[in-house]
Amino acid sequence: MTIREDIKNNLKEAMIKKNVDLISTLRLVIASIKDGDIIAKGKGNDLGINDEEIISLLQRMIKQRKSSIEMYLEGKREDLAKKEQNEIEIISKFLPKQLSREEINNIIDITIKSCEASSMKEMGKVIKLLKEKHNGEMDFGDVSKIVKSKLTS
């Protein structure tokens, strides 16, 4: 089952159970996927976006919500921050299992050794290899900080 199908099935279940928060979040996700499909079709891809692109889209949605949470907390709007956090939890269910901090560190060490990276100039190469093998399994905002610290030390 594709991620797209999984999201649609979850929306149907949420509608049956009348879970308003889940319904609204899943509708936002489906709308974003449709936007991606429209852009892809405009570029000649009649099939729309694939699962890998949907994973990237979901990660962007989570990143946007994390940013919103920070702003809401600064503005003392805990109610809105809680809503955004709830959306993050719902969206995260459709991403591959996230690796632990320890697993990420081990994978980064192995990748740095395998491509013989030794300086910041090779950070892009390390990140590219990590994305090829582990896209969706880790937050690359955090990963880039870890890679940077390992390559500068």
C-alpha atoms as a PDB file:
ATOM      1  CA  MET A   1       0.000   0.000   0.000  1.00  0.00           C
ATOM      2  CA  THR A   2       1.329   3.423  -0.927  1.00  0.00           C
ATOM      3  CA  ILE A   3       1.477   6.303   1.521  1.00  0.00           C
ATOM      4  CA  ARG A   4      -1.226   8.061  -0.501  1.00  0.00           C
ATOM      5  CA  GLU A   5      -3.592   5.086  -0.134  1.00  0.00           C
ATOM      6  CA  ASP A   6      -2.785   4.769   3.574  1.00  0.00           C
ATOM      7  CA  ILE A   7      -3.675   8.432   4.147  1.00  0.00           C
ATOM      8  CA  LYS A   8      -6.961   8.098   2.234  1.00  0.00           C
ATOM      9  CA  ASN A   9      -7.892   4.952   4.187  1.00  0.00           C
ATOM     10  CA  ASN A  10      -7.135   6.710   7.470  1.00  0.00           C
ATOM     11  CA  LEU A  11      -9.316   9.628   6.382  1.00  0.00           C
ATOM     12  CA  LYS A  12     -12.221   7.261   5.694  1.00  0.00           C
ATOM     13  CA  GLU A  13     -11.814   5.675   9.138  1.00  0.00           C
ATOM     14  CA  ALA A  14     -11.607   9.095  10.791  1.00  0.00           C
ATOM     15  CA  MET A  15     -14.797  10.170   9.054  1.00  0.00           C
ATOM     16  CA  ILE A  16     -16.591   7.043  10.269  1.00  0.00           C
ATOM     17  CA  LYS A  17     -15.345   7.677  13.826  1.00  0.00           C
ATOM     18  CA  LYS A  18     -16.065  11.414  13.483  1.00  0.00           C
ATOM     19  CA  ASN A  19     -12.566  12.361  14.684  1.00  0.00           C
ATOM     20  CA  VAL A  20     -12.571  16.052  13.714  1.00  0.00           C
ATOM     21  CA  ASP A  21      -8.872  16.769  14.410  1.00  0.00           C
ATOM     22  CA  LEU A  22      -7.719  13.753  12.416  1.00  0.00           C
ATOM     23  CA  ILE A  23     -10.075  14.574   9.541  1.00  0.00           C
ATOM     24  CA  SER A  24      -8.864  18.176   9.241  1.00  0.00           C
ATOM     25  CA  THR A  25      -5.177  17.218   9.385  1.00  0.00           C
ATOM     26  CA  LEU A  26      -5.543  14.424   6.837  1.00  0.00           C
ATOM     27  CA  ARG A  27      -7.444  16.746   4.517  1.00  0.00           C
ATOM     28  CA  LEU A  28      -4.555  19.232   4.749  1.00  0.00           C
ATOM     29  CA  VAL A  29      -2.111  16.448   3.880  1.00  0.00           C
ATOM     30  CA  ILE A  30      -4.215  15.273   0.928  1.00  0.00           C
ATOM     31  CA  ALA A  31      -4.531  18.863  -0.338  1.00  0.00           C
ATOM     32  CA  SER A  32      -0.736  19.259  -0.176  1.00  0.00           C
ATOM     33  CA  ILE A  33      -0.271  16.000  -2.072  1.00  0.00           C
ATOM     34  CA  LYS A  34      -2.729  17.188  -4.742  1.00  0.00           C
ATOM     35  CA  ASP A  35      -0.777  20.453  -5.040  1.00  0.00           C
ATOM     36  CA  GLY A  36       2.368  18.385  -5.550  1.00  0.00           C
ATOM     37  CA  ASP A  37       0.573  16.305  -8.183  1.00  0.00           C
ATOM     38  CA  ILE A  38      -0.473  19.444 -10.062  1.00  0.00           C
ATOM     39  CA  ILE A  39       3.099  20.758 -10.075  1.00  0.00           C
ATOM     40  CA  ALA A  40       4.423  17.351 -11.198  1.00  0.00           C
ATOM     41  CA  LYS A  41       1.859  17.127 -13.997  1.00  0.00           C
ATOM     42  CA  GLY A  42       2.841  20.612 -15.123  1.00  0.00           C
ATOM     43  CA  LYS A  43       6.385  19.305 -15.501  1.00  0.00           C
ATOM     44  CA  GLY A  44       5.212  16.366 -17.610  1.00  0.00           C
ATOM     45  CA  ASN A  45       4.885  13.690 -14.904  1.00  0.00           C
ATOM     46  CA  ASP A  46       1.339  12.402 -15.459  1.00  0.00           C
ATOM     47  CA  LEU A  47       1.515  10.068 -12.450  1.00  0.00           C
ATOM     48  CA  GLY A  48       1.955  12.857  -9.909  1.00  0.00           C
ATOM     49  CA  ILE A  49       4.336  12.647  -6.982  1.00  0.00           C
ATOM     50  CA  ASN A  50       5.649   9.308  -5.725  1.00  0.00           C
ATOM     51  CA  ASP A  51       6.065   8.006  -2.168  1.00  0.00           C
ATOM     52  CA  GLU A  52       9.570   9.456  -1.833  1.00  0.00           C
ATOM     53  CA  GLU A  53       8.283  12.917  -2.764  1.00  0.00           C
ATOM     54  CA  ILE A  54       5.314  12.478  -0.415  1.00  0.00           C
ATOM     55  CA  ILE A  55       7.768  11.689   2.412  1.00  0.00           C
ATOM     56  CA  SER A  56       9.639  14.931   1.662  1.00  0.00           C
ATOM     57  CA  LEU A  57       6.340  16.816   1.609  1.00  0.00           C
ATOM     58  CA  LEU A  58       5.330  15.351   4.990  1.00  0.00           C
ATOM     59  CA  GLN A  59       8.719  16.269   6.448  1.00  0.00           C
ATOM     60  CA  ARG A  60       8.280  19.863   5.234  1.00  0.00           C
ATOM     61  CA  MET A  61       4.824  19.980   6.816  1.00  0.00           C
ATOM     62  CA  ILE A  62       6.282  18.809  10.131  1.00  0.00           C
ATOM     63  CA  LYS A  63       9.092  21.353   9.909  1.00  0.00           C
ATOM     64  CA  GLN A  64       6.549  24.149   9.291  1.00  0.00           C
ATOM     65  CA  ARG A  65       4.542  23.058  12.311  1.00  0.00           C
ATOM     66  CA  LYS A  66       7.617  22.954  14.553  1.00  0.00           C
ATOM     67  CA  SER A  67       8.378  26.519  13.518  1.00  0.00           C
ATOM     68  CA  SER A  68       4.787  27.517  14.256  1.00  0.00           C
ATOM     69  CA  ILE A  69       4.973  25.898  17.693  1.00  0.00           C
ATOM     70  CA  GLU A  70       7.991  28.034  18.571  1.00  0.00           C
ATOM     71  CA  MET A  71       6.168  31.208  17.531  1.00  0.00           C
ATOM     72  CA  TYR A  72       2.989  30.228  19.378  1.00  0.00           C
ATOM     73  CA  LEU A  73       4.918  29.492  22.558  1.00  0.00           C
ATOM     74  CA  GLU A  74       6.705  32.857  22.312  1.00  0.00           C
ATOM     75  CA  GLY A  75       3.286  34.478  21.959  1.00  0.00           C
ATOM     76  CA  LYS A  76       1.969  32.517  24.956  1.00  0.00           C
ATOM     77  CA  ARG A  77      -0.567  30.637  22.793  1.00  0.00           C
ATOM     78  CA  GLU A  78      -0.190  27.144  24.237  1.00  0.00           C
ATOM     79  CA  ASP A  79      -3.576  26.122  22.811  1.00  0.00           C
ATOM     80  CA  LEU A  80      -2.402  26.699  19.232  1.00  0.00           C
ATOM     81  CA  ALA A  81       0.980  25.096  19.948  1.00  0.00           C
ATOM     82  CA  LYS A  82      -0.821  22.006  21.233  1.00  0.00           C
ATOM     83  CA  LYS A  83      -2.919  21.864  18.046  1.00  0.00           C
ATOM     84  CA  GLU A  84       0.236  22.046  15.901  1.00  0.00           C
ATOM     85  CA  GLN A  85       1.878  19.330  18.019  1.00  0.00           C
ATOM     86  CA  ASN A  86      -1.176  17.124  17.497  1.00  0.00           C
ATOM     87  CA  GLU A  87      -0.870  17.642  13.724  1.00  0.00           C
ATOM     88  CA  ILE A  88       2.821  16.691  13.880  1.00  0.00           C
ATOM     89  CA  GLU A  89       1.922  13.429  15.629  1.00  0.00           C
ATOM     90  CA  ILE A  90      -0.707  12.617  12.998  1.00  0.00           C
ATOM     91  CA  ILE A  91       1.567  13.420  10.048  1.00  0.00           C
ATOM     92  CA  SER A  92       4.471  11.481  11.602  1.00  0.00           C
ATOM     93  CA  LYS A  93       2.448   8.261  11.484  1.00  0.00           C
ATOM     94  CA  PHE A  94       2.858   8.206   7.697  1.00  0.00           C
ATOM     95  CA  LEU A  95       6.640   8.587   7.743  1.00  0.00           C
ATOM     96  CA  PRO A  96       9.032   5.641   7.973  1.00  0.00           C
ATOM     97  CA  LYS A  97      10.144   4.673  11.475  1.00  0.00           C
ATOM     98  CA  GLN A  98      12.483   7.358  12.788  1.00  0.00           C
ATOM     99  CA  LEU A  99      15.951   6.229  13.834  1.00  0.00           C
ATOM    100  CA  SER A 100      17.221   6.852  17.354  1.00  0.00           C
ATOM    101  CA  ARG A 101      19.955   9.397  18.077  1.00  0.00           C
ATOM    102  CA  GLU A 102      22.438   6.546  18.654  1.00  0.00           C
ATOM    103  CA  GLU A 103      21.527   4.837  15.366  1.00  0.00           C
ATOM    104  CA  ILE A 104      21.868   8.135  13.500  1.00  0.00           C
ATOM    105  CA  ASN A 105      25.325   8.752  14.996  1.00  0.00           C
ATOM    106  CA  ASN A 106      26.468   5.234  14.030  1.00  0.00           C
ATOM    107  CA  ILE A 107      25.149   5.602  10.469  1.00  0.00           C
ATOM    108  CA  ILE A 108      26.841   8.996  10.101  1.00  0.00           C
ATOM    109  CA  ASP A 109      30.164   7.569  11.339  1.00  0.00           C
ATOM    110  CA  ILE A 110      29.926   4.660   8.892  1.00  0.00           C
ATOM    111  CA  THR A 111      28.991   6.960   6.006  1.00  0.00           C
ATOM    112  CA  ILE A 112      31.853   9.370   6.734  1.00  0.00           C
ATOM    113  CA  LYS A 113      34.317   6.465   6.801  1.00  0.00           C
ATOM    114  CA  SER A 114      32.890   4.834   3.649  1.00  0.00           C
ATOM    115  CA  CYS A 115      33.230   7.990   1.534  1.00  0.00           C
ATOM    116  CA  GLU A 116      36.491   8.958   3.282  1.00  0.00           C
ATOM    117  CA  ALA A 117      35.221  12.451   4.114  1.00  0.00           C
ATOM    118  CA  SER A 118      37.631  14.446   6.219  1.00  0.00           C
ATOM    119  CA  SER A 119      36.647  18.093   5.848  1.00  0.00           C
ATOM    120  CA  MET A 120      33.660  20.401   5.598  1.00  0.00           C
ATOM    121  CA  LYS A 121      34.127  20.488   1.816  1.00  0.00           C
ATOM    122  CA  GLU A 122      32.798  16.919   1.697  1.00  0.00           C
ATOM    123  CA  MET A 123      29.742  17.518   3.884  1.00  0.00           C
ATOM    124  CA  GLY A 124      27.453  17.648   0.842  1.00  0.00           C
ATOM    125  CA  LYS A 125      28.670  14.245  -0.313  1.00  0.00           C
ATOM    126  CA  VAL A 126      27.975  12.726   3.130  1.00  0.00           C
ATOM    127  CA  ILE A 127      24.484  14.258   3.333  1.00  0.00           C
ATOM    128  CA  LYS A 128      23.690  13.073  -0.210  1.00  0.00           C
ATOM    129  CA  LEU A 129      24.642   9.475   0.661  1.00  0.00           C
ATOM    130  CA  LEU A 130      22.584   9.620   3.859  1.00  0.00           C
ATOM    131  CA  LYS A 131      19.539  10.925   1.982  1.00  0.00           C
ATOM    132  CA  GLU A 132      19.840   8.184  -0.628  1.00  0.00           C
ATOM    133  CA  LYS A 133      19.826   5.432   1.984  1.00  0.00           C
ATOM    134  CA  HIS A 134      17.822   6.897   4.870  1.00  0.00           C
ATOM    135  CA  ASN A 135      15.395   9.478   3.470  1.00  0.00           C
ATOM    136  CA  GLY A 136      12.457   9.880   5.825  1.00  0.00           C
ATOM    137  CA  GLU A 137      14.125   7.969   8.654  1.00  0.00           C
ATOM    138  CA  MET A 138      15.903  10.953  10.192  1.00  0.00           C
ATOM    139  CA  ASP A 139      15.571  14.703  10.540  1.00  0.00           C
ATOM    140  CA  PHE A 140      18.203  16.102   8.192  1.00  0.00           C
ATOM    141  CA  GLY A 141      18.239  19.437  10.017  1.00  0.00           C
ATOM    142  CA  ASP A 142      19.706  17.618  13.013  1.00  0.00           C
ATOM    143  CA  VAL A 143      21.791  15.309  10.815  1.00  0.00           C
ATOM    144  CA  SER A 144      23.559  18.212   9.107  1.00  0.00           C
ATOM    145  CA  LYS A 145      24.539  19.646  12.512  1.00  0.00           C
ATOM    146  CA  ILE A 146      25.944  16.268  13.599  1.00  0.00           C
ATOM    147  CA  VAL A 147      27.838  15.768  10.323  1.00  0.00           C
ATOM    148  CA  LYS A 148      29.238  19.303  10.578  1.00  0.00           C
ATOM    149  CA  SER A 149      30.470  18.731  14.128  1.00  0.00           C
ATOM    150  CA  LYS A 150      32.067  15.403  13.178  1.00  0.00           C
ATOM    151  CA  LEU A 151      33.815  16.826  10.114  1.00  0.00           C
ATOM    152  CA  THR A 152      35.153  19.886  11.948  1.00  0.00           C
ATOM    153  CA  SER A 153      36.567  17.935  14.885  1.00  0.00           C
END
